């Protein structure tokens, strides 16, 4: 069983994906970490985020799941990843890695922005998780505060909206629900409610 979870930043897709993976005993890949890790390499090198040649080289050099997640989280890295993810050559360099993960014999859960449309278009279950920008900015603020980072809600909300525009308007693999995806709006749901709703969607898709 392949479960594809897509959606914008801070919609809750990562939490839902991890919970579903644990529930069904499936491996999970947060594909956003691939772009964050690529951006991290560029920043560590002192390279510009729009340096196509270096970005592609960094993407091809990644070891799947071999990430220092603490260095990949935070507001700065989310914005940097969005810039790198808009480079078509970087997306092309990472496609095979993601598709190989999805093709594992036991199945997999992947979350990102183009899983159901590009990476695993034949996934058994496709869920597009969304929520209002204001709620997503609140969630991101709580997440950052929990890590001890300084929180500026208006700036975070603007970041969310900017990332939405960049992700949705990019020419290659834009953020959008697959035609056969089920939309899950988590604006008024807590973690347990969102997971229960996602579990019901999986159950219905499996018949």
C-alpha atoms as a PDB file:
ATOM      1  CA  UNK A   1       0.000   0.000   0.000  1.00  0.00           C
ATOM      2  CA  UNK A   2       1.351   3.400  -1.019  1.00  0.00           C
ATOM      3  CA  UNK A   3      -0.114   6.415   0.760  1.00  0.00           C
ATOM      4  CA  UNK A   4       0.590   9.831  -0.775  1.00  0.00           C
ATOM      5  CA  UNK A   5       0.115  12.850   1.485  1.00  0.00           C
ATOM      6  CA  UNK A   6       0.404  16.296  -0.074  1.00  0.00           C
ATOM      7  CA  UNK A   7      -0.273  19.805   1.140  1.00  0.00           C
ATOM      8  CA  UNK A   8       1.177  23.234   1.920  1.00  0.00           C
ATOM      9  CA  UNK A   9       3.467  24.152   4.809  1.00  0.00           C
ATOM     10  CA  UNK A  10       2.172  23.566   8.351  1.00  0.00           C
ATOM     11  CA  UNK A  11      -1.066  21.982   7.157  1.00  0.00           C
ATOM     12  CA  UNK A  12      -0.460  18.935   9.326  1.00  0.00           C
ATOM     13  CA  UNK A  13       0.546  16.566   6.525  1.00  0.00           C
ATOM     14  CA  UNK A  14       3.787  15.500   8.191  1.00  0.00           C
ATOM     15  CA  UNK A  15       2.122  14.594  11.468  1.00  0.00           C
ATOM     16  CA  UNK A  16      -0.634  12.705   9.657  1.00  0.00           C
ATOM     17  CA  UNK A  17       1.911  10.859   7.492  1.00  0.00           C
ATOM     18  CA  UNK A  18       3.985   9.787  10.495  1.00  0.00           C
ATOM     19  CA  UNK A  19       0.897   8.614  12.379  1.00  0.00           C
ATOM     20  CA  UNK A  20      -0.395   6.628   9.399  1.00  0.00           C
ATOM     21  CA  UNK A  21       3.021   5.044   8.839  1.00  0.00           C
ATOM     22  CA  UNK A  22       3.198   3.959  12.479  1.00  0.00           C
ATOM     23  CA  UNK A  23      -0.384   2.678  12.418  1.00  0.00           C
ATOM     24  CA  UNK A  24       0.134   0.504   9.332  1.00  0.00           C
ATOM     25  CA  UNK A  25       3.753  -0.400  10.023  1.00  0.00           C
ATOM     26  CA  UNK A  26       5.015   1.258   6.848  1.00  0.00           C
ATOM     27  CA  UNK A  27       8.249   3.179   6.184  1.00  0.00           C
ATOM     28  CA  UNK A  28       7.781   6.942   5.984  1.00  0.00           C
ATOM     29  CA  UNK A  29       9.593   9.594   3.974  1.00  0.00           C
ATOM     30  CA  UNK A  30       9.190  13.325   4.512  1.00  0.00           C
ATOM     31  CA  UNK A  31      10.257  14.379   1.023  1.00  0.00           C
ATOM     32  CA  UNK A  32      10.538  17.993   2.127  1.00  0.00           C
ATOM     33  CA  UNK A  33      13.677  16.982   4.023  1.00  0.00           C
ATOM     34  CA  UNK A  34      15.360  16.232   0.687  1.00  0.00           C
ATOM     35  CA  UNK A  35      14.930  19.848  -0.385  1.00  0.00           C
ATOM     36  CA  UNK A  36      15.844  21.166   3.050  1.00  0.00           C
ATOM     37  CA  UNK A  37      18.997  19.033   3.032  1.00  0.00           C
ATOM     38  CA  UNK A  38      19.894  20.272  -0.439  1.00  0.00           C
ATOM     39  CA  UNK A  39      19.453  23.862   0.723  1.00  0.00           C
ATOM     40  CA  UNK A  40      21.488  23.142   3.860  1.00  0.00           C
ATOM     41  CA  UNK A  41      24.419  21.921   1.761  1.00  0.00           C
ATOM     42  CA  UNK A  42      24.299  25.087  -0.338  1.00  0.00           C
ATOM     43  CA  UNK A  43      24.168  27.329   2.722  1.00  0.00           C
ATOM     44  CA  UNK A  44      27.044  25.454   4.354  1.00  0.00           C
ATOM     45  CA  UNK A  45      29.072  25.886   1.147  1.00  0.00           C
ATOM     46  CA  UNK A  46      28.286  29.577   0.997  1.00  0.00           C
ATOM     47  CA  UNK A  47      26.583  29.025  -2.361  1.00  0.00           C
ATOM     48  CA  UNK A  48      23.520  30.920  -3.532  1.00  0.00           C
ATOM     49  CA  UNK A  49      20.243  29.011  -3.281  1.00  0.00           C
ATOM     50  CA  UNK A  50      19.521  29.624  -6.981  1.00  0.00           C
ATOM     51  CA  UNK A  51      22.914  28.277  -8.098  1.00  0.00           C
ATOM     52  CA  UNK A  52      21.548  25.512 -10.333  1.00  0.00           C
ATOM     53  CA  UNK A  53      24.796  23.588 -10.872  1.00  0.00           C
ATOM     54  CA  UNK A  54      25.688  23.425  -7.166  1.00  0.00           C
ATOM     55  CA  UNK A  55      22.087  22.718  -6.170  1.00  0.00           C
ATOM     56  CA  UNK A  56      21.869  19.725  -8.518  1.00  0.00           C
ATOM     57  CA  UNK A  57      25.230  18.444  -7.280  1.00  0.00           C
ATOM     58  CA  UNK A  58      24.056  18.744  -3.680  1.00  0.00           C
ATOM     59  CA  UNK A  59      20.784  16.955  -4.437  1.00  0.00           C
ATOM     60  CA  UNK A  60      22.539  14.067  -6.171  1.00  0.00           C
ATOM     61  CA  UNK A  61      24.936  13.691  -3.258  1.00  0.00           C
ATOM     62  CA  UNK A  62      22.246  13.187  -0.621  1.00  0.00           C
ATOM     63  CA  UNK A  63      22.055   9.896   1.280  1.00  0.00           C
ATOM     64  CA  UNK A  64      18.369   9.049   1.728  1.00  0.00           C
ATOM     65  CA  UNK A  65      17.225   9.432   5.351  1.00  0.00           C
ATOM     66  CA  UNK A  66      20.758  10.322   6.467  1.00  0.00           C
ATOM     67  CA  UNK A  67      19.775  13.745   7.746  1.00  0.00           C
ATOM     68  CA  UNK A  68      20.551  15.825  10.808  1.00  0.00           C
ATOM     69  CA  UNK A  69      16.960  16.930  11.233  1.00  0.00           C
ATOM     70  CA  UNK A  70      17.753  19.581  13.848  1.00  0.00           C
ATOM     71  CA  UNK A  71      19.794  21.471  11.246  1.00  0.00           C
ATOM     72  CA  UNK A  72      17.005  21.201   8.689  1.00  0.00           C
ATOM     73  CA  UNK A  73      14.146  22.609  10.733  1.00  0.00           C
ATOM     74  CA  UNK A  74      13.245  26.213  11.402  1.00  0.00           C
ATOM     75  CA  UNK A  75      11.844  29.117   9.490  1.00  0.00           C
ATOM     76  CA  UNK A  76      15.039  29.893   7.568  1.00  0.00           C
ATOM     77  CA  UNK A  77      15.348  26.340   6.254  1.00  0.00           C
ATOM     78  CA  UNK A  78      11.696  26.175   5.209  1.00  0.00           C
ATOM     79  CA  UNK A  79      12.100  29.291   3.104  1.00  0.00           C
ATOM     80  CA  UNK A  80      15.420  28.072   1.675  1.00  0.00           C
ATOM     81  CA  UNK A  81      13.922  24.699   0.760  1.00  0.00           C
ATOM     82  CA  UNK A  82      11.080  26.409  -1.091  1.00  0.00           C
ATOM     83  CA  UNK A  83      13.590  28.315  -3.232  1.00  0.00           C
ATOM     84  CA  UNK A  84      15.600  25.184  -4.040  1.00  0.00           C
ATOM     85  CA  UNK A  85      12.458  23.133  -4.735  1.00  0.00           C
ATOM     86  CA  UNK A  86      11.466  25.567  -7.484  1.00  0.00           C
ATOM     87  CA  UNK A  87      14.528  24.555  -9.538  1.00  0.00           C
ATOM     88  CA  UNK A  88      13.344  21.950 -12.102  1.00  0.00           C
ATOM     89  CA  UNK A  89      16.775  20.324 -12.354  1.00  0.00           C
ATOM     90  CA  UNK A  90      16.832  19.732  -8.586  1.00  0.00           C
ATOM     91  CA  UNK A  91      13.396  18.135  -8.671  1.00  0.00           C
ATOM     92  CA  UNK A  92      14.528  15.911 -11.541  1.00  0.00           C
ATOM     93  CA  UNK A  93      17.623  14.860  -9.584  1.00  0.00           C
ATOM     94  CA  UNK A  94      15.492  13.772  -6.613  1.00  0.00           C
ATOM     95  CA  UNK A  95      12.630  12.021  -8.430  1.00  0.00           C
ATOM     96  CA  UNK A  96      14.236   8.578  -8.748  1.00  0.00           C
ATOM     97  CA  UNK A  97      15.219   8.548  -5.078  1.00  0.00           C
ATOM     98  CA  UNK A  98      11.634   9.258  -4.015  1.00  0.00           C
ATOM     99  CA  UNK A  99      10.089   6.800  -6.465  1.00  0.00           C
ATOM    100  CA  UNK A 100      12.437   4.057  -5.287  1.00  0.00           C
ATOM    101  CA  UNK A 101      11.266   4.661  -1.722  1.00  0.00           C
ATOM    102  CA  UNK A 102       7.626   4.503  -2.808  1.00  0.00           C
ATOM    103  CA  UNK A 103       8.288   1.227  -4.632  1.00  0.00           C
ATOM    104  CA  UNK A 104       9.372  -0.669  -1.520  1.00  0.00           C
ATOM    105  CA  UNK A 105       7.761  -4.135  -1.475  1.00  0.00           C
ATOM    106  CA  UNK A 106       5.931  -3.558   1.804  1.00  0.00           C
ATOM    107  CA  UNK A 107       4.595  -0.173   0.686  1.00  0.00           C
ATOM    108  CA  UNK A 108       5.316   3.285   2.050  1.00  0.00           C
ATOM    109  CA  UNK A 109       3.910   6.594   3.224  1.00  0.00           C
ATOM    110  CA  UNK A 110       5.350   9.714   1.591  1.00  0.00           C
ATOM    111  CA  UNK A 111       4.466  13.317   2.284  1.00  0.00           C
ATOM    112  CA  UNK A 112       5.362  16.385   0.279  1.00  0.00           C
ATOM    113  CA  UNK A 113       3.874  18.606  -2.392  1.00  0.00           C
ATOM    114  CA  UNK A 114       3.900  16.471  -5.541  1.00  0.00           C
ATOM    115  CA  UNK A 115       3.607  12.894  -4.259  1.00  0.00           C
ATOM    116  CA  UNK A 116       0.178  12.133  -5.677  1.00  0.00           C
ATOM    117  CA  UNK A 117       0.750  14.051  -8.901  1.00  0.00           C
ATOM    118  CA  UNK A 118       4.369  13.229  -9.829  1.00  0.00           C
ATOM    119  CA  UNK A 119       6.190  10.842  -7.494  1.00  0.00           C
ATOM    120  CA  UNK A 120       3.517   8.198  -6.971  1.00  0.00           C
ATOM    121  CA  UNK A 121       0.593   8.944  -9.321  1.00  0.00           C
ATOM    122  CA  UNK A 122      -0.602   5.334  -8.904  1.00  0.00           C
ATOM    123  CA  UNK A 123      -0.659   5.501  -5.090  1.00  0.00           C
ATOM    124  CA  UNK A 124      -3.436   3.472  -3.461  1.00  0.00           C
ATOM    125  CA  UNK A 125      -4.430   6.420  -1.274  1.00  0.00           C
ATOM    126  CA  UNK A 126      -3.998  10.132  -1.991  1.00  0.00           C
ATOM    127  CA  UNK A 127      -4.782  12.777   0.593  1.00  0.00           C
ATOM    128  CA  UNK A 128      -4.332  16.515   0.109  1.00  0.00           C
ATOM    129  CA  UNK A 129      -4.096  18.154   3.524  1.00  0.00           C
ATOM    130  CA  UNK A 130      -4.852  21.837   3.806  1.00  0.00           C
ATOM    131  CA  UNK A 131      -5.791  24.538   6.349  1.00  0.00           C
ATOM    132  CA  UNK A 132      -6.200  28.294   6.387  1.00  0.00           C
ATOM    133  CA  UNK A 133      -2.964  30.342   6.202  1.00  0.00           C
ATOM    134  CA  UNK A 134      -3.760  31.923   9.574  1.00  0.00           C
ATOM    135  CA  UNK A 135      -4.115  28.583  11.335  1.00  0.00           C
ATOM    136  CA  UNK A 136      -0.978  27.261   9.651  1.00  0.00           C
ATOM    137  CA  UNK A 137       0.959  30.326  10.784  1.00  0.00           C
ATOM    138  CA  UNK A 138      -0.285  29.746  14.354  1.00  0.00           C
ATOM    139  CA  UNK A 139       0.881  26.133  14.228  1.00  0.00           C
ATOM    140  CA  UNK A 140       4.277  27.081  12.848  1.00  0.00           C
ATOM    141  CA  UNK A 141       4.620  29.752  15.536  1.00  0.00           C
ATOM    142  CA  UNK A 142       3.941  27.191  18.275  1.00  0.00           C
ATOM    143  CA  UNK A 143       6.402  24.777  16.691  1.00  0.00           C
ATOM    144  CA  UNK A 144       9.156  27.402  16.532  1.00  0.00           C
ATOM    145  CA  UNK A 145       8.454  28.619  20.060  1.00  0.00           C
ATOM    146  CA  UNK A 146       8.710  25.029  21.251  1.00  0.00           C
ATOM    147  CA  UNK A 147      12.222  24.877  19.802  1.00  0.00           C
ATOM    148  CA  UNK A 148      13.186  28.079  21.564  1.00  0.00           C
ATOM    149  CA  UNK A 149      13.124  30.258  18.450  1.00  0.00           C
ATOM    150  CA  UNK A 150      11.907  33.841  18.436  1.00  0.00           C
ATOM    151  CA  UNK A 151       8.384  34.073  17.005  1.00  0.00           C
ATOM    152  CA  UNK A 152       7.059  36.904  14.833  1.00  0.00           C
ATOM    153  CA  UNK A 153       3.529  35.848  13.837  1.00  0.00           C
ATOM    154  CA  UNK A 154       2.929  38.475  11.087  1.00  0.00           C
ATOM    155  CA  UNK A 155       6.270  37.582   9.475  1.00  0.00           C
ATOM    156  CA  UNK A 156       5.520  33.852   9.703  1.00  0.00           C
ATOM    157  CA  UNK A 157       2.099  34.369   8.129  1.00  0.00           C
ATOM    158  CA  UNK A 158       3.713  36.307   5.285  1.00  0.00           C
ATOM    159  CA  UNK A 159       6.273  33.503   4.860  1.00  0.00           C
ATOM    160  CA  UNK A 160       3.449  30.953   4.644  1.00  0.00           C
ATOM    161  CA  UNK A 161       1.641  32.957   1.968  1.00  0.00           C
ATOM    162  CA  UNK A 162       4.874  33.551   0.017  1.00  0.00           C
ATOM    163  CA  UNK A 163       5.708  29.827   0.074  1.00  0.00           C
ATOM    164  CA  UNK A 164       2.166  28.981  -1.037  1.00  0.00           C
ATOM    165  CA  UNK A 165       2.542  31.278  -4.041  1.00  0.00           C
ATOM    166  CA  UNK A 166       6.003  29.981  -4.946  1.00  0.00           C
ATOM    167  CA  UNK A 167       5.011  26.328  -4.555  1.00  0.00           C
ATOM    168  CA  UNK A 168       1.732  26.712  -6.447  1.00  0.00           C
ATOM    169  CA  UNK A 169       3.050  28.861  -9.280  1.00  0.00           C
ATOM    170  CA  UNK A 170       6.314  27.055 -10.077  1.00  0.00           C
ATOM    171  CA  UNK A 171       6.439  25.622 -13.591  1.00  0.00           C
ATOM    172  CA  UNK A 172       7.630  22.163 -12.545  1.00  0.00           C
ATOM    173  CA  UNK A 173       5.430  19.973 -10.291  1.00  0.00           C
ATOM    174  CA  UNK A 174       3.385  22.781  -8.717  1.00  0.00           C
ATOM    175  CA  UNK A 175       1.606  22.248  -5.412  1.00  0.00           C
ATOM    176  CA  UNK A 176      -1.878  21.034  -6.292  1.00  0.00           C
ATOM    177  CA  UNK A 177      -4.156  18.134  -5.342  1.00  0.00           C
ATOM    178  CA  UNK A 178      -4.184  15.128  -7.654  1.00  0.00           C
ATOM    179  CA  UNK A 179      -7.480  14.718  -9.516  1.00  0.00           C
ATOM    180  CA  UNK A 180      -8.264  11.619  -7.451  1.00  0.00           C
ATOM    181  CA  UNK A 181      -7.032  12.932  -4.096  1.00  0.00           C
ATOM    182  CA  UNK A 182      -9.318  13.398  -1.107  1.00  0.00           C
ATOM    183  CA  UNK A 183      -9.135  16.898   0.392  1.00  0.00           C
ATOM    184  CA  UNK A 184      -8.668  16.967   4.167  1.00  0.00           C
ATOM    185  CA  UNK A 185      -9.111  20.438   5.690  1.00  0.00           C
ATOM    186  CA  UNK A 186      -7.551  20.461   9.159  1.00  0.00           C
ATOM    187  CA  UNK A 187      -8.357  24.093   9.979  1.00  0.00           C
ATOM    188  CA  UNK A 188     -10.791  23.101  12.733  1.00  0.00           C
ATOM    189  CA  UNK A 189      -9.203  19.765  13.679  1.00  0.00           C
ATOM    190  CA  UNK A 190      -6.703  18.896  16.393  1.00  0.00           C
ATOM    191  CA  UNK A 191      -4.028  16.238  15.861  1.00  0.00           C
ATOM    192  CA  UNK A 192      -6.259  13.346  16.923  1.00  0.00           C
ATOM    193  CA  UNK A 193      -9.158  14.580  14.825  1.00  0.00           C
ATOM    194  CA  UNK A 194      -6.967  15.000  11.750  1.00  0.00           C
ATOM    195  CA  UNK A 195      -5.492  11.520  12.176  1.00  0.00           C
ATOM    196  CA  UNK A 196      -8.929   9.952  12.614  1.00  0.00           C
ATOM    197  CA  UNK A 197     -10.153  11.690   9.457  1.00  0.00           C
ATOM    198  CA  UNK A 198      -7.098  10.520   7.500  1.00  0.00           C
ATOM    199  CA  UNK A 199      -7.536   6.968   8.792  1.00  0.00           C
ATOM    200  CA  UNK A 200     -11.143   7.015   7.602  1.00  0.00           C
ATOM    201  CA  UNK A 201     -10.020   8.188   4.145  1.00  0.00           C
ATOM    202  CA  UNK A 202      -7.520   5.318   3.939  1.00  0.00           C
ATOM    203  CA  UNK A 203     -10.163   2.846   5.033  1.00  0.00           C
ATOM    204  CA  UNK A 204     -12.612   4.084   2.403  1.00  0.00           C
ATOM    205  CA  UNK A 205      -9.965   4.008  -0.329  1.00  0.00           C
ATOM    206  CA  UNK A 206      -9.076   0.423   0.520  1.00  0.00           C
ATOM    207  CA  UNK A 207     -12.716  -0.563   0.374  1.00  0.00           C
END
